[in-house]
C-alpha atoms as a PDB file:
ATOM      1  CA  MET A   1      -3.645 -77.389  13.166  1.00  0.00           C
ATOM      2  CA  LYS A   2      -2.986 -80.605  12.872  1.00  0.00           C
ATOM      3  CA  ARG A   3      -0.548 -81.969  15.248  1.00  0.00           C
ATOM      4  CA  ILE A   4       1.460 -85.230  13.700  1.00  0.00           C
ATOM      5  CA  THR A   5       4.579 -87.957  15.730  1.00  0.00           C
ATOM      6  CA  LEU A   6       6.126 -89.044  13.339  1.00  0.00           C
ATOM      7  CA  ARG A   7       8.669 -91.839  14.506  1.00  0.00           C
ATOM      8  CA  GLY A   8      11.735 -93.772  12.649  1.00  0.00           C
ATOM      9  CA  SER A   9      15.035 -93.843  10.322  1.00  0.00           C
ATOM     10  CA  PRO A  10      14.228 -90.690   7.628  1.00  0.00           C
ATOM     11  CA  ARG A  11      12.566 -92.441   5.492  1.00  0.00           C
ATOM     12  CA  GLU A  12      10.330 -93.805   7.763  1.00  0.00           C
ATOM     13  CA  ILE A  13       9.744 -90.104   8.980  1.00  0.00           C
ATOM     14  CA  GLY A  14       9.501 -88.131   5.670  1.00  0.00           C
ATOM     15  CA  GLU A  15       6.641 -90.932   4.240  1.00  0.00           C
ATOM     16  CA  GLN A  16       4.820 -90.565   7.288  1.00  0.00           C
ATOM     17  CA  TYR A  17       4.575 -87.113   7.505  1.00  0.00           C
ATOM     18  CA  GLY A  18       3.647 -86.948   3.462  1.00  0.00           C
ATOM     19  CA  THR A  19       1.343 -89.163   4.325  1.00  0.00           C
ATOM     20  CA  THR A  20      -0.656 -87.350   6.697  1.00  0.00           C
ATOM     21  CA  ALA A  21      -0.238 -83.840   6.267  1.00  0.00           C
ATOM     22  CA  ARG A  22      -1.029 -84.009   2.170  1.00  0.00           C
ATOM     23  CA  GLU A  23      -3.086 -81.527   1.947  1.00  0.00           C
ATOM     24  CA  GLU A  24      -1.520 -79.244   3.742  1.00  0.00           C
ATOM     25  CA  ILE A  25       1.700 -80.049   2.252  1.00  0.00           C
ATOM     26  CA  HIS A  26      -0.784 -79.209  -1.213  1.00  0.00           C
ATOM     27  CA  TYR A  27      -1.633 -76.259  -0.204  1.00  0.00           C
ATOM     28  CA  SER A  28       1.738 -75.093   1.217  1.00  0.00           C
ATOM     29  CA  ILE A  29       3.043 -75.362  -2.436  1.00  0.00           C
ATOM     30  CA  GLN A  30      -0.177 -74.011  -3.977  1.00  0.00           C
ATOM     31  CA  SER A  31      -0.147 -70.858  -1.487  1.00  0.00           C
ATOM     32  CA  TYR A  32       4.406 -70.755  -2.286  1.00  0.00           C
ATOM     33  CA  GLN A  33       3.198 -70.013  -5.434  1.00  0.00           C
ATOM     34  CA  ASP A  34       1.803 -67.166  -5.204  1.00  0.00           C
ATOM     35  CA  ILE A  35       4.034 -65.780  -2.610  1.00  0.00           C
ATOM     36  CA  PHE A  36       7.895 -66.335  -5.093  1.00  0.00           C
ATOM     37  CA  GLN A  37       5.806 -64.429  -7.477  1.00  0.00           C
ATOM     38  CA  GLN A  38       4.329 -61.985  -5.762  1.00  0.00           C
ATOM     39  CA  THR A  39       8.050 -61.028  -3.712  1.00  0.00           C
ATOM     40  CA  ALA A  40      10.509 -62.750  -6.610  1.00  0.00           C
ATOM     41  CA  GLY A  41       9.252 -62.383  -9.446  1.00  0.00           C
ATOM     42  CA  LEU A  42       9.403 -65.660 -10.341  1.00  0.00           C
ATOM     43  CA  THR A  43       7.510 -68.740 -11.475  1.00  0.00           C
ATOM     44  CA  TRP A  44       7.133 -72.164  -9.887  1.00  0.00           C
ATOM     45  CA  ASP A  45       9.213 -73.649 -12.481  1.00  0.00           C
ATOM     46  CA  GLN A  46      11.673 -70.830 -12.431  1.00  0.00           C
ATOM     47  CA  ALA A  47      11.553 -71.020  -7.934  1.00  0.00           C
ATOM     48  CA  CYS A  48      12.064 -75.185  -7.906  1.00  0.00           C
ATOM     49  CA  ASN A  49      15.172 -74.130 -10.013  1.00  0.00           C
ATOM     50  CA  SER A  50      16.799 -72.266  -8.245  1.00  0.00           C
ATOM     51  CA  ALA A  51      16.111 -74.704  -5.272  1.00  0.00           C
ATOM     52  CA  LEU A  52      17.596 -76.760  -6.777  1.00  0.00           C
ATOM     53  CA  ARG A  53      21.297 -75.453  -6.229  1.00  0.00           C
ATOM     54  CA  TRP A  54      21.124 -76.234  -2.835  1.00  0.00           C
ATOM     55  CA  LEU A  55      20.959 -80.014  -3.260  1.00  0.00           C
ATOM     56  CA  PRO A  56      24.403 -80.630  -3.532  1.00  0.00           C
ATOM     57  CA  VAL A  57      24.984 -78.432  -0.619  1.00  0.00           C
ATOM     58  CA  LEU A  58      22.658 -80.731   1.246  1.00  0.00           C
ATOM     59  CA  GLN A  59      23.820 -83.734  -0.617  1.00  0.00           C
ATOM     60  CA  GLN A  60      27.515 -83.264   1.077  1.00  0.00           C
ATOM     61  CA  LYS A  61      26.344 -82.350   5.473  1.00  0.00           C
ATOM     62  CA  CYS A  62      22.533 -83.512   5.444  1.00  0.00           C
ATOM     63  CA  PRO A  63      22.067 -86.928   3.327  1.00  0.00           C
ATOM     64  CA  GLU A  64      20.044 -88.166   6.047  1.00  0.00           C
ATOM     65  CA  ILE A  65      17.618 -84.587   5.388  1.00  0.00           C
ATOM     66  CA  VAL A  66      17.493 -84.995   1.697  1.00  0.00           C
ATOM     67  CA  GLU A  67      16.674 -88.515   2.175  1.00  0.00           C
ATOM     68  CA  GLU A  68      13.954 -87.559   4.566  1.00  0.00           C
ATOM     69  CA  MET A  69      12.676 -84.829   2.016  1.00  0.00           C
ATOM     70  CA  GLU A  70      12.542 -87.465  -0.340  1.00  0.00           C
ATOM     71  CA  ALA A  71      10.048 -89.636   0.741  1.00  0.00           C
ATOM     72  CA  LEU A  72       7.978 -86.512   2.244  1.00  0.00           C
ATOM     73  CA  ALA A  73       7.600 -85.726  -1.874  1.00  0.00           C
ATOM     74  CA  GLN A  74       6.699 -89.500  -2.653  1.00  0.00           C
ATOM     75  CA  ALA A  75       4.855 -89.896   0.063  1.00  0.00           C
ATOM     76  CA  ALA A  76       2.543 -86.071  -0.172  1.00  0.00           C
ATOM     77  CA  LYS A  77       2.361 -87.045  -4.121  1.00  0.00           C
ATOM     78  CA  VAL A  78       4.377 -84.221  -5.397  1.00  0.00           C
ATOM     79  CA  GLU A  79       7.781 -83.798  -6.914  1.00  0.00           C
ATOM     80  CA  PHE A  80      11.236 -83.687  -4.659  1.00  0.00           C
ATOM     81  CA  ARG A  81      11.796 -80.363  -6.264  1.00  0.00           C
ATOM     82  CA  ASP A  82       8.241 -78.810  -4.656  1.00  0.00           C
ATOM     83  CA  ILE A  83       9.418 -79.510  -1.082  1.00  0.00           C
ATOM     84  CA  LEU A  84      13.338 -78.533  -1.512  1.00  0.00           C
ATOM     85  CA  ALA A  85      11.688 -75.173  -3.046  1.00  0.00           C
ATOM     86  CA  LEU A  86       9.161 -75.364   0.815  1.00  0.00           C
ATOM     87  CA  ASN A  87      12.412 -75.632   2.157  1.00  0.00           C
ATOM     88  CA  LEU A  88      13.798 -72.973   1.027  1.00  0.00           C
ATOM     89  CA  ARG A  89      11.696 -70.579   1.529  1.00  0.00           C
ATOM     90  CA  SER A  90      14.076 -67.532   3.690  1.00  0.00           C
ATOM     91  CA  GLU A  91      16.313 -67.750   0.142  1.00  0.00           C
ATOM     92  CA  ILE A  92      14.109 -67.915  -2.818  1.00  0.00           C
ATOM     93  CA  ALA A  93      11.507 -65.510  -0.870  1.00  0.00           C
ATOM     94  CA  LEU A  94      12.986 -63.416   1.878  1.00  0.00           C
ATOM     95  CA  THR A  95      16.040 -61.778   0.237  1.00  0.00           C
ATOM     96  CA  HIS A  96      13.499 -59.891  -0.738  1.00  0.00           C
ATOM     97  CA  TYR A  97      11.002 -59.421   0.940  1.00  0.00           C
ATOM     98  CA  THR A  98      10.555 -59.318   4.942  1.00  0.00           C
ATOM     99  CA  ASP A  99       7.694 -61.143   7.430  1.00  0.00           C
ATOM    100  CA  GLY A 100       7.440 -59.817  11.047  1.00  0.00           C
ATOM    101  CA  CYS A 101       7.846 -61.415  14.258  1.00  0.00           C
ATOM    102  CA  THR A 102       9.274 -60.190  17.536  1.00  0.00           C
ATOM    103  CA  SER A 103      11.062 -61.999  19.942  1.00  0.00           C
ATOM    104  CA  LEU A 104      12.301 -62.778  23.538  1.00  0.00           C
ATOM    105  CA  GLY A 105      14.800 -64.555  25.444  1.00  0.00           C
ATOM    106  CA  GLN A 106      14.534 -63.786  29.016  1.00  0.00           C
ATOM    107  CA  THR A 107      16.212 -65.659  31.841  1.00  0.00           C
ATOM    108  CA  HIS A 108      15.534 -64.868  36.167  1.00  0.00           C
ATOM    109  CA  GLY A 109      16.581 -67.362  38.531  1.00  0.00           C
ATOM    110  CA  SER A 110      16.530 -71.031  37.811  1.00  0.00           C
ATOM    111  CA  ALA A 111      13.787 -69.914  35.073  1.00  0.00           C
ATOM    112  CA  VAL A 112      14.570 -69.630  31.273  1.00  0.00           C
ATOM    113  CA  PHE A 113      11.847 -68.597  28.417  1.00  0.00           C
ATOM    114  CA  ILE A 114      11.915 -68.298  24.638  1.00  0.00           C
ATOM    115  CA  ALA A 115       8.947 -66.436  22.697  1.00  0.00           C
ATOM    116  CA  GLN A 116       7.992 -64.939  19.780  1.00  0.00           C
ATOM    117  CA  ASN A 117       4.931 -64.121  17.654  1.00  0.00           C
ATOM    118  CA  TRP A 118       5.181 -65.317  14.151  1.00  0.00           C
ATOM    119  CA  ASP A 119       3.918 -63.080  11.920  1.00  0.00           C
ATOM    120  CA  TRP A 120       3.291 -63.810   8.498  1.00  0.00           C
ATOM    121  CA  MET A 121       1.188 -63.306   5.439  1.00  0.00           C
ATOM    122  CA  ASP A 122      -2.544 -64.676   6.430  1.00  0.00           C
ATOM    123  CA  SER A 123      -2.391 -67.412   3.398  1.00  0.00           C
ATOM    124  CA  GLN A 124      -0.232 -69.873   6.059  1.00  0.00           C
ATOM    125  CA  ALA A 125      -2.369 -70.010   7.791  1.00  0.00           C
ATOM    126  CA  ARG A 126      -3.931 -72.953   6.551  1.00  0.00           C
ATOM    127  CA  SER A 127      -0.585 -75.110   6.584  1.00  0.00           C
ATOM    128  CA  LEU A 128       0.684 -75.202  10.102  1.00  0.00           C
ATOM    129  CA  VAL A 129       1.408 -78.140  11.521  1.00  0.00           C
ATOM    130  CA  GLY A 130       2.693 -79.856  14.493  1.00  0.00           C
ATOM    131  CA  LEU A 131       5.403 -81.971  14.586  1.00  0.00           C
ATOM    132  CA  GLU A 132       6.812 -83.917  17.339  1.00  0.00           C
ATOM    133  CA  VAL A 133       9.980 -86.484  15.371  1.00  0.00           C
ATOM    134  CA  HIS A 134      11.647 -89.148  17.440  1.00  0.00           C
ATOM    135  CA  GLN A 135      14.438 -90.725  15.773  1.00  0.00           C
ATOM    136  CA  PRO A 136      16.940 -92.883  16.750  1.00  0.00           C
ATOM    137  CA  GLY A 137      20.046 -91.699  18.800  1.00  0.00           C
ATOM    138  CA  LYS A 138      18.870 -88.051  18.463  1.00  0.00           C
ATOM    139  CA  PRO A 139      17.486 -85.907  20.504  1.00  0.00           C
ATOM    140  CA  THR A 140      13.278 -85.559  20.106  1.00  0.00           C
ATOM    141  CA  PHE A 141      12.194 -82.320  18.741  1.00  0.00           C
ATOM    142  CA  PHE A 142       8.446 -80.639  18.529  1.00  0.00           C
ATOM    143  CA  ILE A 143       8.721 -77.865  15.804  1.00  0.00           C
ATOM    144  CA  LEU A 144       5.605 -75.124  14.556  1.00  0.00           C
ATOM    145  CA  ALA A 145       6.235 -75.430  11.283  1.00  0.00           C
ATOM    146  CA  GLU A 146       3.704 -75.002   7.543  1.00  0.00           C
ATOM    147  CA  ALA A 147       3.491 -77.743   6.028  1.00  0.00           C
ATOM    148  CA  GLY A 148       6.344 -79.341   3.883  1.00  0.00           C
ATOM    149  CA  ILE A 149       8.434 -78.035   5.856  1.00  0.00           C
ATOM    150  CA  VAL A 150      10.981 -80.031   8.024  1.00  0.00           C
ATOM    151  CA  GLY A 151      12.926 -77.211  10.654  1.00  0.00           C
ATOM    152  CA  LYS A 152      11.137 -74.357  12.131  1.00  0.00           C
ATOM    153  CA  TYR A 153      10.145 -72.481  15.681  1.00  0.00           C
ATOM    154  CA  GLY A 154      10.434 -75.249  17.941  1.00  0.00           C
ATOM    155  CA  PHE A 155      12.964 -77.135  20.946  1.00  0.00           C
ATOM    156  CA  ASN A 156      13.429 -80.743  21.994  1.00  0.00           C
ATOM    157  CA  ASP A 157      13.603 -82.849  24.359  1.00  0.00           C
ATOM    158  CA  ARG A 158      17.477 -81.460  26.200  1.00  0.00           C
ATOM    159  CA  GLY A 159      15.981 -78.123  26.843  1.00  0.00           C
ATOM    160  CA  VAL A 160      17.752 -77.043  22.634  1.00  0.00           C
ATOM    161  CA  GLY A 161      15.303 -74.319  21.150  1.00  0.00           C
ATOM    162  CA  VAL A 162      15.132 -71.654  18.462  1.00  0.00           C
ATOM    163  CA  LEU A 163      13.154 -69.171  16.523  1.00  0.00           C
ATOM    164  CA  LEU A 164      13.640 -67.201  13.941  1.00  0.00           C
ATOM    165  CA  ASN A 165      13.648 -63.395  12.351  1.00  0.00           C
ATOM    166  CA  ALA A 166      13.334 -62.816   8.645  1.00  0.00           C
ATOM    167  CA  ILE A 167      15.881 -60.042   7.942  1.00  0.00           C
ATOM    168  CA  ARG A 168      15.751 -58.519   4.273  1.00  0.00           C
ATOM    169  CA  CYS A 169      18.913 -59.121   3.376  1.00  0.00           C
ATOM    170  CA  HIS A 170      20.399 -60.202  -0.522  1.00  0.00           C
ATOM    171  CA  ALA A 171      23.271 -62.225   0.650  1.00  0.00           C
ATOM    172  CA  CYS A 172      22.885 -65.849  -0.790  1.00  0.00           C
ATOM    173  CA  SER A 173      25.272 -69.064   0.098  1.00  0.00           C
ATOM    174  CA  THR A 174      25.010 -72.176  -2.301  1.00  0.00           C
ATOM    175  CA  ASP A 175      28.137 -73.727  -0.080  1.00  0.00           C
ATOM    176  CA  LYS A 176      25.929 -73.082   2.875  1.00  0.00           C
ATOM    177  CA  LEU A 177      22.787 -74.370   4.873  1.00  0.00           C
ATOM    178  CA  PRO A 178      19.388 -73.200   4.267  1.00  0.00           C
ATOM    179  CA  ILE A 179      17.853 -71.000   7.008  1.00  0.00           C
ATOM    180  CA  HIS A 180      15.403 -73.769   7.401  1.00  0.00           C
ATOM    181  CA  ILE A 181      17.948 -76.837   7.326  1.00  0.00           C
ATOM    182  CA  ALA A 182      19.855 -75.115   9.717  1.00  0.00           C
ATOM    183  CA  LEU A 183      16.855 -74.946  12.385  1.00  0.00           C
ATOM    184  CA  ARG A 184      16.213 -78.025  11.752  1.00  0.00           C
ATOM    185  CA  LYS A 185      19.669 -78.906  12.855  1.00  0.00           C
ATOM    186  CA  VAL A 186      19.723 -76.857  16.305  1.00  0.00           C
ATOM    187  CA  LEU A 187      16.865 -78.777  17.284  1.00  0.00           C
ATOM    188  CA  GLU A 188      18.702 -82.337  17.037  1.00  0.00           C
ATOM    189  CA  SER A 189      22.114 -80.204  18.695  1.00  0.00           C
ATOM    190  CA  GLU A 190      22.453 -81.439  23.053  1.00  0.00           C
ATOM    191  CA  SER A 191      22.514 -78.315  24.228  1.00  0.00           C
ATOM    192  CA  TYR A 192      23.251 -74.722  22.973  1.00  0.00           C
ATOM    193  CA  ALA A 193      26.858 -75.279  22.720  1.00  0.00           C
ATOM    194  CA  GLU A 194      26.933 -78.218  19.640  1.00  0.00           C
ATOM    195  CA  ALA A 195      24.380 -76.207  17.857  1.00  0.00           C
ATOM    196  CA  ARG A 196      25.870 -72.476  18.095  1.00  0.00           C
ATOM    197  CA  GLU A 197      29.510 -74.449  17.122  1.00  0.00           C
ATOM    198  CA  MET A 198      27.037 -76.123  14.216  1.00  0.00           C
ATOM    199  CA  LEU A 199      26.381 -73.208  12.995  1.00  0.00           C
ATOM    200  CA  ASP A 200      30.584 -71.812  12.862  1.00  0.00           C
ATOM    201  CA  GLU A 201      31.272 -75.085  11.303  1.00  0.00           C
ATOM    202  CA  LEU A 202      28.431 -75.278   8.346  1.00  0.00           C
ATOM    203  CA  GLY A 203      27.222 -71.731   7.990  1.00  0.00           C
ATOM    204  CA  VAL A 204      24.172 -70.387   6.860  1.00  0.00           C
ATOM    205  CA  ALA A 205      22.859 -69.680   3.361  1.00  0.00           C
ATOM    206  CA  SER A 206      21.220 -66.064   4.430  1.00  0.00           C
ATOM    207  CA  ALA A 207      20.745 -63.971   7.020  1.00  0.00           C
ATOM    208  CA  ALA A 208      18.705 -64.331   9.714  1.00  0.00           C
ATOM    209  CA  ASN A 209      17.879 -63.951  13.611  1.00  0.00           C
ATOM    210  CA  PHE A 210      18.322 -67.147  15.868  1.00  0.00           C
ATOM    211  CA  LEU A 211      17.055 -67.400  19.000  1.00  0.00           C
ATOM    212  CA  MET A 212      18.776 -69.550  20.625  1.00  0.00           C
ATOM    213  CA  GLY A 213      18.589 -70.768  24.023  1.00  0.00           C
ATOM    214  CA  ASP A 214      19.068 -74.114  26.399  1.00  0.00           C
ATOM    215  CA  GLY A 215      18.185 -75.116  30.063  1.00  0.00           C
ATOM    216  CA  SER A 216      21.171 -74.258  31.200  1.00  0.00           C
ATOM    217  CA  GLY A 217      20.522 -70.702  31.495  1.00  0.00           C
ATOM    218  CA  LYS A 218      23.159 -69.593  27.886  1.00  0.00           C
ATOM    219  CA  VAL A 219      20.378 -67.886  26.278  1.00  0.00           C
ATOM    220  CA  THR A 220      21.639 -65.434  23.012  1.00  0.00           C
ATOM    221  CA  THR A 221      19.883 -63.708  19.825  1.00  0.00           C
ATOM    222  CA  THR A 222      22.220 -64.304  16.629  1.00  0.00           C
ATOM    223  CA  GLU A 223      22.045 -62.760  13.388  1.00  0.00           C
ATOM    224  CA  VAL A 224      23.319 -65.346  11.521  1.00  0.00           C
ATOM    225  CA  SER A 225      24.671 -64.658   7.030  1.00  0.00           C
ATOM    226  CA  PRO A 226      26.740 -66.154   5.030  1.00  0.00           C
ATOM    227  CA  TYR A 227      29.087 -63.896   6.130  1.00  0.00           C
ATOM    228  CA  GLY A 228      29.391 -64.822   9.703  1.00  0.00           C
ATOM    229  CA  ASN A 229      27.283 -65.392  12.863  1.00  0.00           C
ATOM    230  CA  PHE A 230      26.948 -62.223  15.307  1.00  0.00           C
ATOM    231  CA  ASP A 231      25.569 -62.525  19.255  1.00  0.00           C
ATOM    232  CA  ILE A 232      23.622 -60.593  21.010  1.00  0.00           C
ATOM    233  CA  VAL A 233      23.643 -61.437  24.575  1.00  0.00           C
ATOM    234  CA  PRO A 234      20.965 -60.893  27.204  1.00  0.00           C
ATOM    235  CA  ASP A 235      21.515 -56.954  29.280  1.00  0.00           C
ATOM    236  CA  GLU A 236      21.911 -57.021  33.021  1.00  0.00           C
ATOM    237  CA  GLN A 237      18.213 -58.211  33.481  1.00  0.00           C
ATOM    238  CA  GLY A 238      18.639 -61.849  31.518  1.00  0.00           C
ATOM    239  CA  ILE A 239      16.786 -60.097  28.648  1.00  0.00           C
ATOM    240  CA  VAL A 240      17.333 -60.413  24.875  1.00  0.00           C
ATOM    241  CA  THR A 241      14.615 -59.260  21.867  1.00  0.00           C
ATOM    242  CA  HIS A 242      15.263 -58.980  18.556  1.00  0.00           C
ATOM    243  CA  THR A 243      12.543 -57.704  15.776  1.00  0.00           C
ATOM    244  CA  ASN A 244      13.646 -57.718  12.378  1.00  0.00           C
ATOM    245  CA  HIS A 245      16.750 -55.863  11.326  1.00  0.00           C
ATOM    246  CA  LEU A 246      20.083 -56.424  11.864  1.00  0.00           C
ATOM    247  CA  TYR A 247      21.614 -54.282  14.944  1.00  0.00           C
ATOM    248  CA  ALA A 248      24.810 -56.723  16.045  1.00  0.00           C
ATOM    249  CA  LYS A 249      28.103 -55.033  15.834  1.00  0.00           C
ATOM    250  CA  GLU A 250      30.199 -57.165  13.379  1.00  0.00           C
ATOM    251  CA  ALA A 251      26.950 -57.510  11.516  1.00  0.00           C
ATOM    252  CA  THR A 252      25.715 -54.747  10.621  1.00  0.00           C
ATOM    253  CA  ALA A 253      29.462 -53.861   9.111  1.00  0.00           C
ATOM    254  CA  LYS A 254      29.150 -56.648   7.196  1.00  0.00           C
ATOM    255  CA  LEU A 255      25.834 -56.792   5.684  1.00  0.00           C
ATOM    256  CA  LYS A 256      23.341 -54.308   4.612  1.00  0.00           C
ATOM    257  CA  ASP A 257      19.510 -55.488   5.449  1.00  0.00           C
ATOM    258  CA  ASN A 258      15.876 -53.150   4.046  1.00  0.00           C
ATOM    259  CA  PRO A 259      14.325 -53.493   7.467  1.00  0.00           C
ATOM    260  CA  SER A 260       9.873 -52.294   7.440  1.00  0.00           C
ATOM    261  CA  ALA A 261      10.001 -48.616   9.869  1.00  0.00           C
ATOM    262  CA  ASN A 262       7.905 -51.475  12.119  1.00  0.00           C
ATOM    263  CA  SER A 263      10.428 -53.629  13.276  1.00  0.00           C
ATOM    264  CA  PHE A 264      12.121 -50.513  15.386  1.00  0.00           C
ATOM    265  CA  THR A 265       9.244 -49.245  16.443  1.00  0.00           C
ATOM    266  CA  ARG A 266       8.353 -53.274  18.113  1.00  0.00           C
ATOM    267  CA  LEU A 267      11.891 -54.004  19.078  1.00  0.00           C
ATOM    268  CA  GLU A 268      11.934 -50.127  21.315  1.00  0.00           C
ATOM    269  CA  ARG A 269       7.930 -51.159  22.779  1.00  0.00           C
ATOM    270  CA  ILE A 270       9.438 -55.380  23.538  1.00  0.00           C
ATOM    271  CA  ARG A 271      12.644 -53.759  25.710  1.00  0.00           C
ATOM    272  CA  THR A 272      10.005 -50.903  27.662  1.00  0.00           C
ATOM    273  CA  LEU A 273       7.224 -53.779  28.058  1.00  0.00           C
ATOM    274  CA  SER A 274       9.727 -56.728  29.730  1.00  0.00           C
ATOM    275  CA  ALA A 275      11.687 -54.505  31.409  1.00  0.00           C
ATOM    276  CA  GLY A 276      12.058 -55.242  35.058  1.00  0.00           C
ATOM    277  CA  THR A 277       9.531 -58.292  34.341  1.00  0.00           C
ATOM    278  CA  THR A 278       9.913 -61.510  35.672  1.00  0.00           C
ATOM    279  CA  PRO A 279       9.429 -64.454  32.506  1.00  0.00           C
ATOM    280  CA  SER A 280       6.330 -66.607  33.381  1.00  0.00           C
ATOM    281  CA  PHE A 281       4.112 -68.215  30.319  1.00  0.00           C
ATOM    282  CA  GLU A 282       1.108 -65.757  31.506  1.00  0.00           C
ATOM    283  CA  SER A 283       3.225 -62.064  31.043  1.00  0.00           C
ATOM    284  CA  ILE A 284       5.603 -62.796  27.970  1.00  0.00           C
ATOM    285  CA  ARG A 285       1.224 -63.973  26.329  1.00  0.00           C
ATOM    286  CA  GLY A 286       0.765 -60.476  28.165  1.00  0.00           C
ATOM    287  CA  MET A 287       3.596 -58.644  26.024  1.00  0.00           C
ATOM    288  CA  LEU A 288       2.812 -60.224  22.783  1.00  0.00           C
ATOM    289  CA  SER A 289      -0.709 -59.058  22.933  1.00  0.00           C
ATOM    290  CA  ASP A 290       0.730 -55.689  22.729  1.00  0.00           C
ATOM    291  CA  ARG A 291      -1.477 -53.353  20.099  1.00  0.00           C
ATOM    292  CA  ASN A 292      -0.211 -50.418  21.277  1.00  0.00           C
ATOM    293  CA  ASP A 293       0.658 -49.293  18.078  1.00  0.00           C
ATOM    294  CA  GLY A 294      -2.535 -50.700  16.138  1.00  0.00           C
ATOM    295  CA  ASP A 295      -1.460 -52.560  12.958  1.00  0.00           C
ATOM    296  CA  TYR A 296       2.066 -52.973  13.259  1.00  0.00           C
ATOM    297  CA  SER A 297       1.876 -53.186  17.188  1.00  0.00           C
ATOM    298  CA  ILE A 298       3.684 -56.529  18.446  1.00  0.00           C
ATOM    299  CA  SER A 299       0.288 -58.847  17.680  1.00  0.00           C
ATOM    300  CA  ARG A 300      -0.355 -57.701  14.060  1.00  0.00           C
ATOM    301  CA  SER A 301      -2.876 -57.461  12.040  1.00  0.00           C
ATOM    302  CA  ALA A 302      -2.842 -57.326   8.606  1.00  0.00           C
ATOM    303  CA  PRO A 303      -4.556 -53.454   6.968  1.00  0.00           C
ATOM    304  CA  ARG A 304      -6.528 -53.123   4.833  1.00  0.00           C
ATOM    305  CA  ASP A 305      -5.902 -50.827   2.614  1.00  0.00           C
ATOM    306  CA  VAL A 306      -2.339 -51.865   1.142  1.00  0.00           C
ATOM    307  CA  GLU A 307      -0.862 -53.841  -0.858  1.00  0.00           C
ATOM    308  CA  LEU A 308      -1.305 -57.944  -0.381  1.00  0.00           C
ATOM    309  CA  LEU A 309       2.390 -58.250   0.483  1.00  0.00           C
ATOM    310  CA  ASP A 310       2.229 -55.128   2.971  1.00  0.00           C
ATOM    311  CA  ARG A 311      -0.866 -57.655   4.650  1.00  0.00           C
ATOM    312  CA  ILE A 312       1.251 -59.390   6.994  1.00  0.00           C
ATOM    313  CA  SER A 313      -0.776 -60.070  10.369  1.00  0.00           C
ATOM    314  CA  THR A 314       0.200 -62.223  13.366  1.00  0.00           C
ATOM    315  CA  LEU A 315      -0.147 -66.285  12.521  1.00  0.00           C
ATOM    316  CA  ALA A 316       0.813 -67.754  16.192  1.00  0.00           C
ATOM    317  CA  THR A 317       2.283 -67.214  19.559  1.00  0.00           C
ATOM    318  CA  ILE A 318       4.852 -69.582  20.776  1.00  0.00           C
ATOM    319  CA  ILE A 319       6.847 -69.349  24.368  1.00  0.00           C
ATOM    320  CA  ILE A 320       8.989 -72.569  25.180  1.00  0.00           C
ATOM    321  CA  ASP A 321      10.429 -72.913  28.706  1.00  0.00           C
ATOM    322  CA  LEU A 322      13.796 -74.744  28.318  1.00  0.00           C
ATOM    323  CA  VAL A 323      13.410 -75.818  31.860  1.00  0.00           C
ATOM    324  CA  GLY A 324      10.664 -77.738  31.978  1.00  0.00           C
ATOM    325  CA  ARG A 325      10.759 -78.267  28.428  1.00  0.00           C
ATOM    326  CA  LYS A 326       7.246 -77.032  27.613  1.00  0.00           C
ATOM    327  CA  ALA A 327       6.217 -75.495  25.258  1.00  0.00           C
ATOM    328  CA  GLU A 328       2.298 -73.691  25.356  1.00  0.00           C
ATOM    329  CA  LEU A 329       1.663 -72.264  21.572  1.00  0.00           C
ATOM    330  CA  SER A 330      -1.473 -70.658  20.107  1.00  0.00           C
ATOM    331  CA  LEU A 331      -2.800 -69.906  17.175  1.00  0.00           C
ATOM    332  CA  GLY A 332      -4.026 -65.573  15.225  1.00  0.00           C
ATOM    333  CA  ARG A 333      -3.268 -62.559  17.413  1.00  0.00           C
ATOM    334  CA  PRO A 334      -2.868 -63.757  20.858  1.00  0.00           C
ATOM    335  CA  ASP A 335      -4.686 -60.135  22.506  1.00  0.00           C
ATOM    336  CA  LEU A 336      -8.010 -62.077  20.526  1.00  0.00           C
ATOM    337  CA  ASP A 337      -7.310 -64.825  23.738  1.00  0.00           C
ATOM    338  CA  PRO A 338      -7.239 -68.410  20.830  1.00  0.00           C
ATOM    339  CA  GLU A 339      -6.674 -71.538  22.838  1.00  0.00           C
ATOM    340  CA  VAL A 340      -3.560 -72.816  23.904  1.00  0.00           C
ATOM    341  CA  ILE A 341      -1.985 -75.771  22.661  1.00  0.00           C
ATOM    342  CA  SER A 342       1.037 -77.431  25.554  1.00  0.00           C
ATOM    343  CA  VAL A 343       3.427 -79.571  24.398  1.00  0.00           C
ATOM    344  CA  THR A 344       5.737 -81.436  26.718  1.00  0.00           C
ATOM    345  CA  LEU A 345       8.737 -83.420  25.658  1.00  0.00           C
ATOM    346  CA  GLY A 346      10.795 -85.979  28.056  1.00  0.00           C
ATOM    347  CA  SER A 347      10.162 -86.285  31.853  1.00  0.00           C
END
């Protein structure tokens, strides 16, 4: 995984990103050409045209991010709409299809951790980049991202962190922020409270789950959607979990999702594994390495006897200590003992 530090104005950050990750960006576009065709039945040209429907709301609500993406596209030697389509990947593809992901938020005493496995198609493993972004007047943040995308899983130097579970749901709105832009805005927030208020104010274009928290001890898993954002709070042990189906009562009353059966089994398994534990990098990595259900376990592997669309495996694991402003991440299945990469922000 290429790690890149970006600094400066939106245009400068975009130029640095596009130049340094040009090869990975081109691969990401090539990969999503296939993914969009398989999941949504769209050619790349159709997917780009679909993404352009969100340009007016982005220009209105976050013009600096549009400027960054324009510079990114120019530096990467691709079209702006190519970069826009990558950043609209959830609205284009995941309203038709869902990926995996098992997430866990855990507080105990002064400790505050959020963590997840990211399960997705093997083809995107080659496009992963780690970005540390420094912007004047805003929090410094780190994200694990697919190249060309400007917001993803990560945390900032104020102790705010956010993770993502995809939800297969057809609800979609072009007057709200796309999921990955909303994730970026969370990471530019000074606190959980500011981030949570922003989500309600600007809205989220399609359904997903954001596991969010900050170093003060505030953690929720928030099912976001065009019809509102609904919080699930930790239990009496300070634990909250999520996979790839809706279960907030307010959300299920308004939205219809289409989850895979393994979303329910993974949720029950992570609840069982986390009960009665105290959070640490080691204990959480152990839970996320679980192989209790074979290919469909928390640490997922791609079955050999299924269609390409169902060949999903764990591409990365990220565990974030929001008090210590530190993350540990690894690529591939965590049960295979991959190299652990540490990232620390702030003093």
